[in-house]
Amino acid sequence: RWFEEIKSDLLKRIEGKEEFNIEMLIELVDKTDTVNPFF
């Protein structure tokens, strides 16, 4: 799943257009390439 979809979803939530909480952030991170950004 292309990471930009996740980035767009996260930005909408951060900007207050949708409800946002830490569980949602964890879910978004879990859906992305979880290893490669860090290694």
PDB file of all heavy atoms in Angstrom:
ATOM      1  N   ARG A   1       0.850  -1.183   0.000  1.00  0.00           N
ATOM      2  CA  ARG A   1       0.000   0.000   0.000  1.00  0.00           C
ATOM      3  C   ARG A   1       0.888   1.237   0.000  1.00  0.00           C
ATOM      4  O   ARG A   1       1.725   1.418   0.868  1.00  0.00           O
ATOM      5  CB  ARG A   1      -0.902  -0.005   1.223  1.00  0.00           C
ATOM      6  CG  ARG A   1      -1.853   1.156   1.256  1.00  0.00           C
ATOM      7  CD  ARG A   1      -2.796   1.027   2.417  1.00  0.00           C
ATOM      8  NE  ARG A   1      -3.618   2.229   2.463  1.00  0.00           N
ATOM      9  CZ  ARG A   1      -4.369   2.545   3.475  1.00  0.00           C
ATOM     10  NH1 ARG A   1      -4.417   1.777   4.522  1.00  0.00           N
ATOM     11  NH2 ARG A   1      -5.074   3.656   3.448  1.00  0.00           N
ATOM     12  N   TRP A   2       0.709   2.098  -0.955  1.00  0.00           N
ATOM     13  CA  TRP A   2       1.586   3.243  -1.135  1.00  0.00           C
ATOM     14  C   TRP A   2       1.494   4.175   0.057  1.00  0.00           C
ATOM     15  O   TRP A   2       0.422   4.582   0.490  1.00  0.00           O
ATOM     16  CB  TRP A   2       1.231   3.970  -2.429  1.00  0.00           C
ATOM     17  CG  TRP A   2       2.198   5.006  -2.812  1.00  0.00           C
ATOM     18  CD1 TRP A   2       3.548   4.868  -2.891  1.00  0.00           C
ATOM     19  CD2 TRP A   2       1.905   6.350  -3.168  1.00  0.00           C
ATOM     20  NE1 TRP A   2       4.112   6.048  -3.298  1.00  0.00           N
ATOM     21  CE2 TRP A   2       3.125   6.983  -3.462  1.00  0.00           C
ATOM     22  CE3 TRP A   2       0.740   7.079  -3.265  1.00  0.00           C
ATOM     23  CZ2 TRP A   2       3.209   8.295  -3.857  1.00  0.00           C
ATOM     24  CZ3 TRP A   2       0.832   8.392  -3.667  1.00  0.00           C
ATOM     25  CH2 TRP A   2       2.052   8.989  -3.956  1.00  0.00           C
ATOM     26  N   PHE A   3       2.669   4.529   0.610  1.00  0.00           N
ATOM     27  CA  PHE A   3       2.725   5.301   1.842  1.00  0.00           C
ATOM     28  C   PHE A   3       2.041   6.653   1.737  1.00  0.00           C
ATOM     29  O   PHE A   3       1.593   7.196   2.739  1.00  0.00           O
ATOM     30  CB  PHE A   3       4.170   5.471   2.294  1.00  0.00           C
ATOM     31  CG  PHE A   3       4.993   6.349   1.396  1.00  0.00           C
ATOM     32  CD1 PHE A   3       5.065   7.711   1.618  1.00  0.00           C
ATOM     33  CD2 PHE A   3       5.690   5.809   0.319  1.00  0.00           C
ATOM     34  CE1 PHE A   3       5.815   8.508   0.785  1.00  0.00           C
ATOM     35  CE2 PHE A   3       6.435   6.619  -0.507  1.00  0.00           C
ATOM     36  CZ  PHE A   3       6.496   7.967  -0.277  1.00  0.00           C
ATOM     37  N   GLU A   4       1.915   7.234   0.571  1.00  0.00           N
ATOM     38  CA  GLU A   4       1.320   8.564   0.458  1.00  0.00           C
ATOM     39  C   GLU A   4      -0.160   8.548   0.855  1.00  0.00           C
ATOM     40  O   GLU A   4      -0.676   9.521   1.375  1.00  0.00           O
ATOM     41  CB  GLU A   4       1.502   9.124  -0.945  1.00  0.00           C
ATOM     42  CG  GLU A   4       1.070  10.558  -1.080  1.00  0.00           C
ATOM     43  CD  GLU A   4       1.759  11.516  -0.109  1.00  0.00           C
ATOM     44  OE1 GLU A   4       2.863  11.209   0.377  1.00  0.00           O
ATOM     45  OE2 GLU A   4       1.185  12.570   0.182  1.00  0.00           O
ATOM     46  N   GLU A   5      -0.841   7.426   0.635  1.00  0.00           N
ATOM     47  CA  GLU A   5      -2.220   7.316   1.081  1.00  0.00           C
ATOM     48  C   GLU A   5      -2.283   7.459   2.595  1.00  0.00           C
ATOM     49  O   GLU A   5      -3.164   8.126   3.134  1.00  0.00           O
ATOM     50  CB  GLU A   5      -2.817   5.972   0.670  1.00  0.00           C
ATOM     51  CG  GLU A   5      -2.986   5.797  -0.821  1.00  0.00           C
ATOM     52  CD  GLU A   5      -3.428   4.394  -1.175  1.00  0.00           C
ATOM     53  OE1 GLU A   5      -4.009   3.707  -0.317  1.00  0.00           O
ATOM     54  OE2 GLU A   5      -3.192   3.985  -2.312  1.00  0.00           O
ATOM     55  N   ILE A   6      -1.349   6.837   3.282  1.00  0.00           N
ATOM     56  CA  ILE A   6      -1.286   6.899   4.736  1.00  0.00           C
ATOM     57  C   ILE A   6      -0.962   8.330   5.171  1.00  0.00           C
ATOM     58  O   ILE A   6      -1.568   8.869   6.094  1.00  0.00           O
ATOM     59  CB  ILE A   6      -0.220   5.926   5.277  1.00  0.00           C
ATOM     60  CG1 ILE A   6      -0.503   4.499   4.832  1.00  0.00           C
ATOM     61  CG2 ILE A   6      -0.118   6.030   6.785  1.00  0.00           C
ATOM     62  CD1 ILE A   6      -1.803   3.927   5.305  1.00  0.00           C
ATOM     63  N   LYS A   7       0.009   8.948   4.496  1.00  0.00           N
ATOM     64  CA  LYS A   7       0.405  10.313   4.834  1.00  0.00           C
ATOM     65  C   LYS A   7      -0.784  11.267   4.694  1.00  0.00           C
ATOM     66  O   LYS A   7      -1.036  12.101   5.569  1.00  0.00           O
ATOM     67  CB  LYS A   7       1.557  10.736   3.915  1.00  0.00           C
ATOM     68  CG  LYS A   7       2.141  12.084   4.218  1.00  0.00           C
ATOM     69  CD  LYS A   7       3.327  12.316   3.277  1.00  0.00           C
ATOM     70  CE  LYS A   7       3.867  13.710   3.358  1.00  0.00           C
ATOM     71  NZ  LYS A   7       4.954  13.941   2.412  1.00  0.00           N
ATOM     72  N   SER A   8      -1.532  11.121   3.625  1.00  0.00           N
ATOM     73  CA  SER A   8      -2.696  11.972   3.388  1.00  0.00           C
ATOM     74  C   SER A   8      -3.733  11.774   4.491  1.00  0.00           C
ATOM     75  O   SER A   8      -4.292  12.735   5.021  1.00  0.00           O
ATOM     76  CB  SER A   8      -3.292  11.648   2.027  1.00  0.00           C
ATOM     77  OG  SER A   8      -4.487  12.335   1.841  1.00  0.00           O
ATOM     78  N   ASP A   9      -3.989  10.529   4.846  1.00  0.00           N
ATOM     79  CA  ASP A   9      -4.952  10.211   5.892  1.00  0.00           C
ATOM     80  C   ASP A   9      -4.509  10.820   7.224  1.00  0.00           C
ATOM     81  O   ASP A   9      -5.299  11.438   7.944  1.00  0.00           O
ATOM     82  CB  ASP A   9      -5.098   8.696   6.010  1.00  0.00           C
ATOM     83  CG  ASP A   9      -6.263   8.274   6.881  1.00  0.00           C
ATOM     84  OD1 ASP A   9      -7.201   9.080   7.071  1.00  0.00           O
ATOM     85  OD2 ASP A   9      -6.237   7.138   7.371  1.00  0.00           O
ATOM     86  N   LEU A  10      -3.247  10.684   7.544  1.00  0.00           N
ATOM     87  CA  LEU A  10      -2.708  11.228   8.790  1.00  0.00           C
ATOM     88  C   LEU A  10      -2.839  12.752   8.824  1.00  0.00           C
ATOM     89  O   LEU A  10      -3.265  13.317   9.831  1.00  0.00           O
ATOM     90  CB  LEU A  10      -1.249  10.809   8.965  1.00  0.00           C
ATOM     91  CG  LEU A  10      -0.533  11.324  10.208  1.00  0.00           C
ATOM     92  CD1 LEU A  10      -1.240  10.873  11.473  1.00  0.00           C
ATOM     93  CD2 LEU A  10       0.913  10.866  10.215  1.00  0.00           C
ATOM     94  N   LEU A  11      -2.491  13.412   7.720  1.00  0.00           N
ATOM     95  CA  LEU A  11      -2.587  14.869   7.679  1.00  0.00           C
ATOM     96  C   LEU A  11      -4.013  15.354   7.881  1.00  0.00           C
ATOM     97  O   LEU A  11      -4.257  16.331   8.588  1.00  0.00           O
ATOM     98  CB  LEU A  11      -2.017  15.404   6.370  1.00  0.00           C
ATOM     99  CG  LEU A  11      -0.497  15.343   6.246  1.00  0.00           C
ATOM    100  CD1 LEU A  11      -0.057  15.747   4.851  1.00  0.00           C
ATOM    101  CD2 LEU A  11       0.178  16.206   7.292  1.00  0.00           C
ATOM    102  N   LYS A  12      -4.980  14.670   7.284  1.00  0.00           N
ATOM    103  CA  LYS A  12      -6.386  15.051   7.471  1.00  0.00           C
ATOM    104  C   LYS A  12      -6.766  14.981   8.945  1.00  0.00           C
ATOM    105  O   LYS A  12      -7.438  15.856   9.475  1.00  0.00           O
ATOM    106  CB  LYS A  12      -7.306  14.122   6.667  1.00  0.00           C
ATOM    107  CG  LYS A  12      -7.440  14.506   5.217  1.00  0.00           C
ATOM    108  CD  LYS A  12      -8.580  13.762   4.576  1.00  0.00           C
ATOM    109  CE  LYS A  12      -8.091  12.398   4.159  1.00  0.00           C
ATOM    110  NZ  LYS A  12      -9.053  11.608   3.413  1.00  0.00           N
ATOM    111  N   ARG A  13      -6.300  13.936   9.604  1.00  0.00           N
ATOM    112  CA  ARG A  13      -6.644  13.762  11.014  1.00  0.00           C
ATOM    113  C   ARG A  13      -5.937  14.798  11.885  1.00  0.00           C
ATOM    114  O   ARG A  13      -6.527  15.345  12.811  1.00  0.00           O
ATOM    115  CB  ARG A  13      -6.310  12.354  11.458  1.00  0.00           C
ATOM    116  CG  ARG A  13      -7.216  11.341  10.780  1.00  0.00           C
ATOM    117  CD  ARG A  13      -6.876   9.929  11.121  1.00  0.00           C
ATOM    118  NE  ARG A  13      -7.684   9.025  10.323  1.00  0.00           N
ATOM    119  CZ  ARG A  13      -7.984   7.803  10.690  1.00  0.00           C
ATOM    120  NH1 ARG A  13      -7.575   7.328  11.833  1.00  0.00           N
ATOM    121  NH2 ARG A  13      -8.707   7.036   9.911  1.00  0.00           N
ATOM    122  N   ILE A  14      -4.680  15.085  11.586  1.00  0.00           N
ATOM    123  CA  ILE A  14      -3.938  16.072  12.361  1.00  0.00           C
ATOM    124  C   ILE A  14      -4.549  17.460  12.183  1.00  0.00           C
ATOM    125  O   ILE A  14      -4.630  18.244  13.126  1.00  0.00           O
ATOM    126  CB  ILE A  14      -2.447  16.056  11.970  1.00  0.00           C
ATOM    127  CG1 ILE A  14      -1.803  14.776  12.492  1.00  0.00           C
ATOM    128  CG2 ILE A  14      -1.723  17.287  12.512  1.00  0.00           C
ATOM    129  CD1 ILE A  14      -0.386  14.549  12.018  1.00  0.00           C
ATOM    130  N   GLU A  15      -4.975  17.784  10.977  1.00  0.00           N
ATOM    131  CA  GLU A  15      -5.563  19.097  10.697  1.00  0.00           C
ATOM    132  C   GLU A  15      -6.963  19.242  11.278  1.00  0.00           C
ATOM    133  O   GLU A  15      -7.600  20.273  11.143  1.00  0.00           O
ATOM    134  CB  GLU A  15      -5.608  19.328   9.181  1.00  0.00           C
ATOM    135  CG  GLU A  15      -4.225  19.486   8.570  1.00  0.00           C
ATOM    136  CD  GLU A  15      -4.256  19.439   7.046  1.00  0.00           C
ATOM    137  OE1 GLU A  15      -5.321  19.214   6.457  1.00  0.00           O
ATOM    138  OE2 GLU A  15      -3.178  19.615   6.456  1.00  0.00           O
ATOM    139  N   GLY A  16      -7.446  18.197  11.935  1.00  0.00           N
ATOM    140  CA  GLY A  16      -8.729  18.285  12.610  1.00  0.00           C
ATOM    141  C   GLY A  16      -9.928  17.996  11.744  1.00  0.00           C
ATOM    142  O   GLY A  16     -11.070  18.191  12.159  1.00  0.00           O
ATOM    143  N   LYS A  17      -9.677  17.536  10.532  1.00  0.00           N
ATOM    144  CA  LYS A  17     -10.798  17.246   9.650  1.00  0.00           C
ATOM    145  C   LYS A  17     -11.472  15.928  10.033  1.00  0.00           C
ATOM    146  O   LYS A  17     -12.591  15.656   9.659  1.00  0.00           O
ATOM    147  CB  LYS A  17     -10.341  17.203   8.195  1.00  0.00           C
ATOM    148  CG  LYS A  17      -9.858  18.561   7.718  1.00  0.00           C
ATOM    149  CD  LYS A  17      -9.355  18.489   6.305  1.00  0.00           C
ATOM    150  CE  LYS A  17      -8.802  19.855   5.892  1.00  0.00           C
ATOM    151  NZ  LYS A  17      -8.089  19.795   4.644  1.00  0.00           N
ATOM    152  N   GLU A  18     -10.751  15.099  10.763  1.00  0.00           N
ATOM    153  CA  GLU A  18     -11.298  13.846  11.249  1.00  0.00           C
ATOM    154  C   GLU A  18     -10.798  13.637  12.671  1.00  0.00           C
ATOM    155  O   GLU A  18      -9.782  14.192  13.068  1.00  0.00           O
ATOM    156  CB  GLU A  18     -10.838  12.670  10.371  1.00  0.00           C
ATOM    157  CG  GLU A  18     -11.385  12.703   8.967  1.00  0.00           C
ATOM    158  CD  GLU A  18     -10.957  11.488   8.163  1.00  0.00           C
ATOM    159  OE1 GLU A  18     -10.595  10.459   8.751  1.00  0.00           O
ATOM    160  OE2 GLU A  18     -10.999  11.591   6.931  1.00  0.00           O
ATOM    161  N   GLU A  19     -11.501  12.823  13.417  1.00  0.00           N
ATOM    162  CA  GLU A  19     -11.078  12.509  14.784  1.00  0.00           C
ATOM    163  C   GLU A  19      -9.684  11.886  14.752  1.00  0.00           C
ATOM    164  O   GLU A  19      -9.347  11.134  13.847  1.00  0.00           O
ATOM    165  CB  GLU A  19     -12.075  11.524  15.402  1.00  0.00           C
ATOM    166  CG  GLU A  19     -11.734  11.158  16.820  1.00  0.00           C
ATOM    167  CD  GLU A  19     -12.683  10.117  17.384  1.00  0.00           C
ATOM    168  OE1 GLU A  19     -13.761   9.899  16.790  1.00  0.00           O
ATOM    169  OE2 GLU A  19     -12.337   9.522  18.392  1.00  0.00           O
ATOM    170  N   PHE A  20      -8.875  12.220  15.753  1.00  0.00           N
ATOM    171  CA  PHE A  20      -7.511  11.704  15.788  1.00  0.00           C
ATOM    172  C   PHE A  20      -7.123  11.379  17.220  1.00  0.00           C
ATOM    173  O   PHE A  20      -7.365  12.161  18.133  1.00  0.00           O
ATOM    174  CB  PHE A  20      -6.541  12.741  15.219  1.00  0.00           C
ATOM    175  CG  PHE A  20      -5.114  12.297  15.247  1.00  0.00           C
ATOM    176  CD1 PHE A  20      -4.646  11.376  14.334  1.00  0.00           C
ATOM    177  CD2 PHE A  20      -4.237  12.796  16.199  1.00  0.00           C
ATOM    178  CE1 PHE A  20      -3.326  10.958  14.357  1.00  0.00           C
ATOM    179  CE2 PHE A  20      -2.919  12.388  16.230  1.00  0.00           C
ATOM    180  CZ  PHE A  20      -2.469  11.467  15.300  1.00  0.00           C
ATOM    181  N   ASN A  21      -6.522  10.190  17.406  1.00  0.00           N
ATOM    182  CA  ASN A  21      -5.973   9.832  18.708  1.00  0.00           C
ATOM    183  C   ASN A  21      -4.768   8.917  18.503  1.00  0.00           C
ATOM    184  O   ASN A  21      -4.466   8.510  17.385  1.00  0.00           O
ATOM    185  CB  ASN A  21      -7.044   9.182  19.602  1.00  0.00           C
ATOM    186  CG  ASN A  21      -7.621   7.930  18.981  1.00  0.00           C
ATOM    187  OD1 ASN A  21      -6.910   7.115  18.420  1.00  0.00           O
ATOM    188  ND2 ASN A  21      -8.945   7.781  19.084  1.00  0.00           N
ATOM    189  N   ILE A  22      -4.086   8.607  19.557  1.00  0.00           N
ATOM    190  CA  ILE A  22      -2.837   7.843  19.453  1.00  0.00           C
ATOM    191  C   ILE A  22      -3.066   6.449  18.860  1.00  0.00           C
ATOM    192  O   ILE A  22      -2.233   5.943  18.122  1.00  0.00           O
ATOM    193  CB  ILE A  22      -2.109   7.775  20.823  1.00  0.00           C
ATOM    194  CG1 ILE A  22      -0.669   7.270  20.643  1.00  0.00           C
ATOM    195  CG2 ILE A  22      -2.876   6.909  21.804  1.00  0.00           C
ATOM    196  CD1 ILE A  22       0.214   8.188  19.841  1.00  0.00           C
ATOM    197  N   GLU A  23      -4.195   5.828  19.143  1.00  0.00           N
ATOM    198  CA  GLU A  23      -4.476   4.502  18.575  1.00  0.00           C
ATOM    199  C   GLU A  23      -4.550   4.570  17.047  1.00  0.00           C
ATOM    200  O   GLU A  23      -4.096   3.673  16.351  1.00  0.00           O
ATOM    201  CB  GLU A  23      -5.780   3.924  19.143  1.00  0.00           C
ATOM    202  CG  GLU A  23      -5.702   3.492  20.588  1.00  0.00           C
ATOM    203  CD  GLU A  23      -5.809   4.653  21.572  1.00  0.00           C
ATOM    204  OE1 GLU A  23      -6.347   5.722  21.199  1.00  0.00           O
ATOM    205  OE2 GLU A  23      -5.327   4.488  22.713  1.00  0.00           O
ATOM    206  N   MET A  24      -5.111   5.662  16.534  1.00  0.00           N
ATOM    207  CA  MET A  24      -5.182   5.841  15.083  1.00  0.00           C
ATOM    208  C   MET A  24      -3.786   6.014  14.487  1.00  0.00           C
ATOM    209  O   MET A  24      -3.499   5.477  13.423  1.00  0.00           O
ATOM    210  CB  MET A  24      -6.056   7.036  14.734  1.00  0.00           C
ATOM    211  CG  MET A  24      -7.501   6.825  15.026  1.00  0.00           C
ATOM    212  SD  MET A  24      -8.401   8.350  14.691  1.00  0.00           S
ATOM    213  CE  MET A  24     -10.063   7.812  14.956  1.00  0.00           C
ATOM    214  N   LEU A  25      -2.935   6.755  15.193  1.00  0.00           N
ATOM    215  CA  LEU A  25      -1.565   6.930  14.717  1.00  0.00           C
ATOM    216  C   LEU A  25      -0.848   5.584  14.661  1.00  0.00           C
ATOM    217  O   LEU A  25      -0.181   5.264  13.677  1.00  0.00           O
ATOM    218  CB  LEU A  25      -0.807   7.903  15.626  1.00  0.00           C
ATOM    219  CG  LEU A  25       0.654   8.121  15.275  1.00  0.00           C
ATOM    220  CD1 LEU A  25       0.802   8.689  13.869  1.00  0.00           C
ATOM    221  CD2 LEU A  25       1.310   9.035  16.297  1.00  0.00           C
ATOM    222  N   ILE A  26      -1.006   4.785  15.698  1.00  0.00           N
ATOM    223  CA  ILE A  26      -0.379   3.455  15.725  1.00  0.00           C
ATOM    224  C   ILE A  26      -0.899   2.610  14.565  1.00  0.00           C
ATOM    225  O   ILE A  26      -0.128   1.931  13.892  1.00  0.00           O
ATOM    226  CB  ILE A  26      -0.626   2.782  17.092  1.00  0.00           C
ATOM    227  CG1 ILE A  26       0.165   3.519  18.175  1.00  0.00           C
ATOM    228  CG2 ILE A  26      -0.258   1.305  17.053  1.00  0.00           C
ATOM    229  CD1 ILE A  26      -0.209   3.149  19.589  1.00  0.00           C
ATOM    230  N   GLU A  27      -2.209   2.669  14.320  1.00  0.00           N
ATOM    231  CA  GLU A  27      -2.793   1.921  13.199  1.00  0.00           C
ATOM    232  C   GLU A  27      -2.193   2.382  11.869  1.00  0.00           C
ATOM    233  O   GLU A  27      -1.850   1.570  11.017  1.00  0.00           O
ATOM    234  CB  GLU A  27      -4.304   2.112  13.175  1.00  0.00           C
ATOM    235  CG  GLU A  27      -4.978   1.415  12.009  1.00  0.00           C
ATOM    236  CD  GLU A  27      -6.451   1.786  11.894  1.00  0.00           C
ATOM    237  OE1 GLU A  27      -7.005   2.387  12.829  1.00  0.00           O
ATOM    238  OE2 GLU A  27      -7.029   1.472  10.838  1.00  0.00           O
ATOM    239  N   LEU A  28      -2.050   3.684  11.689  1.00  0.00           N
ATOM    240  CA  LEU A  28      -1.482   4.204  10.445  1.00  0.00           C
ATOM    241  C   LEU A  28      -0.043   3.742  10.257  1.00  0.00           C
ATOM    242  O   LEU A  28       0.360   3.340   9.173  1.00  0.00           O
ATOM    243  CB  LEU A  28      -1.551   5.729  10.434  1.00  0.00           C
ATOM    244  CG  LEU A  28      -2.945   6.314  10.288  1.00  0.00           C
ATOM    245  CD1 LEU A  28      -2.905   7.819  10.516  1.00  0.00           C
ATOM    246  CD2 LEU A  28      -3.519   6.005   8.925  1.00  0.00           C
ATOM    247  N   VAL A  29       0.737   3.774  11.324  1.00  0.00           N
ATOM    248  CA  VAL A  29       2.133   3.335  11.243  1.00  0.00           C
ATOM    249  C   VAL A  29       2.182   1.847  10.920  1.00  0.00           C
ATOM    250  O   VAL A  29       2.997   1.400  10.116  1.00  0.00           O
ATOM    251  CB  VAL A  29       2.891   3.661  12.545  1.00  0.00           C
ATOM    252  CG1 VAL A  29       4.254   2.997  12.564  1.00  0.00           C
ATOM    253  CG2 VAL A  29       3.025   5.169  12.702  1.00  0.00           C
ATOM    254  N   ASP A  30       1.304   1.056  11.534  1.00  0.00           N
ATOM    255  CA  ASP A  30       1.274  -0.381  11.274  1.00  0.00           C
ATOM    256  C   ASP A  30       0.961  -0.709   9.823  1.00  0.00           C
ATOM    257  O   ASP A  30       1.384  -1.738   9.304  1.00  0.00           O
ATOM    258  CB  ASP A  30       0.246  -1.082  12.166  1.00  0.00           C
ATOM    259  CG  ASP A  30       0.734  -1.231  13.593  1.00  0.00           C
ATOM    260  OD1 ASP A  30       1.941  -1.071  13.825  1.00  0.00           O
ATOM    261  OD2 ASP A  30      -0.105  -1.497  14.477  1.00  0.00           O
ATOM    262  N   LYS A  31       0.214   0.155   9.144  1.00  0.00           N
ATOM    263  CA  LYS A  31      -0.164  -0.095   7.759  1.00  0.00           C
ATOM    264  C   LYS A  31       0.938   0.277   6.774  1.00  0.00           C
ATOM    265  O   LYS A  31       0.864  -0.062   5.605  1.00  0.00           O
ATOM    266  CB  LYS A  31      -1.423   0.704   7.401  1.00  0.00           C
ATOM    267  CG  LYS A  31      -2.674   0.200   8.058  1.00  0.00           C
ATOM    268  CD  LYS A  31      -3.828   1.081   7.655  1.00  0.00           C
ATOM    269  CE  LYS A  31      -5.117   0.672   8.317  1.00  0.00           C
ATOM    270  NZ  LYS A  31      -6.199   1.604   7.999  1.00  0.00           N
ATOM    271  N   THR A  32       1.926   1.002   7.222  1.00  0.00           N
ATOM    272  CA  THR A  32       2.983   1.449   6.315  1.00  0.00           C
ATOM    273  C   THR A  32       4.160   0.497   6.362  1.00  0.00           C
ATOM    274  O   THR A  32       4.169  -0.493   7.069  1.00  0.00           O
ATOM    275  CB  THR A  32       3.456   2.861   6.695  1.00  0.00           C
ATOM    276  OG1 THR A  32       3.992   2.824   8.009  1.00  0.00           O
ATOM    277  CG2 THR A  32       2.346   3.872   6.604  1.00  0.00           C
ATOM    278  N   ASP A  33       5.152   0.840   5.610  1.00  0.00           N
ATOM    279  CA  ASP A  33       6.411   0.111   5.577  1.00  0.00           C
ATOM    280  C   ASP A  33       7.066   0.318   6.942  1.00  0.00           C
ATOM    281  O   ASP A  33       7.717   1.311   7.187  1.00  0.00           O
ATOM    282  CB  ASP A  33       7.252   0.712   4.450  1.00  0.00           C
ATOM    283  CG  ASP A  33       8.549  -0.009   4.240  1.00  0.00           C
ATOM    284  OD1 ASP A  33       8.926  -0.828   5.083  1.00  0.00           O
ATOM    285  OD2 ASP A  33       9.189   0.272   3.231  1.00  0.00           O
ATOM    286  N   THR A  34       6.871  -0.621   7.843  1.00  0.00           N
ATOM    287  CA  THR A  34       7.199  -0.416   9.249  1.00  0.00           C
ATOM    288  C   THR A  34       8.679  -0.500   9.570  1.00  0.00           C
ATOM    289  O   THR A  34       9.097  -0.049  10.618  1.00  0.00           O
ATOM    290  CB  THR A  34       6.459  -1.436  10.125  1.00  0.00           C
ATOM    291  OG1 THR A  34       6.794  -2.744   9.683  1.00  0.00           O
ATOM    292  CG2 THR A  34       4.962  -1.228  10.056  1.00  0.00           C
ATOM    293  N   VAL A  35       9.479  -1.085   8.727  1.00  0.00           N
ATOM    294  CA  VAL A  35      10.902  -1.226   9.021  1.00  0.00           C
ATOM    295  C   VAL A  35      11.737  -0.232   8.230  1.00  0.00           C
ATOM    296  O   VAL A  35      12.592   0.454   8.768  1.00  0.00           O
ATOM    297  CB  VAL A  35      11.389  -2.667   8.726  1.00  0.00           C
ATOM    298  CG1 VAL A  35      12.888  -2.779   8.873  1.00  0.00           C
ATOM    299  CG2 VAL A  35      10.705  -3.648   9.657  1.00  0.00           C
ATOM    300  N   ASN A  36      11.486  -0.097   6.968  1.00  0.00           N
ATOM    301  CA  ASN A  36      12.375   0.660   6.093  1.00  0.00           C
ATOM    302  C   ASN A  36      12.590   2.119   6.457  1.00  0.00           C
ATOM    303  O   ASN A  36      13.676   2.627   6.233  1.00  0.00           O
ATOM    304  CB  ASN A  36      11.924   0.516   4.647  1.00  0.00           C
ATOM    305  CG  ASN A  36      12.167  -0.895   4.142  1.00  0.00           C
ATOM    306  OD1 ASN A  36      13.016  -1.595   4.661  1.00  0.00           O
ATOM    307  ND2 ASN A  36      11.427  -1.316   3.148  1.00  0.00           N
ATOM    308  N   PRO A  37      11.614   2.845   7.012  1.00  0.00           N
ATOM    309  CA  PRO A  37      11.908   4.235   7.346  1.00  0.00           C
ATOM    310  C   PRO A  37      12.996   4.385   8.404  1.00  0.00           C
ATOM    311  O   PRO A  37      13.635   5.411   8.505  1.00  0.00           O
ATOM    312  CB  PRO A  37      10.582   4.779   7.873  1.00  0.00           C
ATOM    313  CG  PRO A  37       9.553   3.883   7.331  1.00  0.00           C
ATOM    314  CD  PRO A  37      10.207   2.541   7.224  1.00  0.00           C
ATOM    315  N   PHE A  38      13.199   3.347   9.193  1.00  0.00           N
ATOM    316  CA  PHE A  38      14.114   3.449  10.321  1.00  0.00           C
ATOM    317  C   PHE A  38      15.469   2.787  10.086  1.00  0.00           C
ATOM    318  O   PHE A  38      16.390   2.998  10.863  1.00  0.00           O
ATOM    319  CB  PHE A  38      13.462   2.844  11.565  1.00  0.00           C
ATOM    320  CG  PHE A  38      12.127   3.460  11.856  1.00  0.00           C
ATOM    321  CD1 PHE A  38      10.957   2.787  11.547  1.00  0.00           C
ATOM    322  CD2 PHE A  38      12.031   4.729  12.376  1.00  0.00           C
ATOM    323  CE1 PHE A  38       9.714   3.368  11.797  1.00  0.00           C
ATOM    324  CE2 PHE A  38      10.803   5.330  12.628  1.00  0.00           C
ATOM    325  CZ  PHE A  38       9.652   4.639  12.337  1.00  0.00           C
ATOM    326  N   PHE A  39      15.607   1.965   9.059  1.00  0.00           N
ATOM    327  CA  PHE A  39      16.832   1.221   8.832  1.00  0.00           C
ATOM    328  C   PHE A  39      17.409   1.513   7.452  1.00  0.00           C
ATOM    329  O   PHE A  39      16.684   1.797   6.516  1.00  0.00           O
ATOM    330  CB  PHE A  39      16.575  -0.288   8.948  1.00  0.00           C
ATOM    331  CG  PHE A  39      16.177  -0.708  10.333  1.00  0.00           C
ATOM    332  CD1 PHE A  39      14.850  -0.932  10.647  1.00  0.00           C
ATOM    333  CD2 PHE A  39      17.130  -0.870  11.322  1.00  0.00           C
ATOM    334  CE1 PHE A  39      14.470  -1.308  11.923  1.00  0.00           C
ATOM    335  CE2 PHE A  39      16.760  -1.254  12.602  1.00  0.00           C
ATOM    336  CZ  PHE A  39      15.435  -1.474  12.907  1.00  0.00           C
TER     337      PHE A  39
END
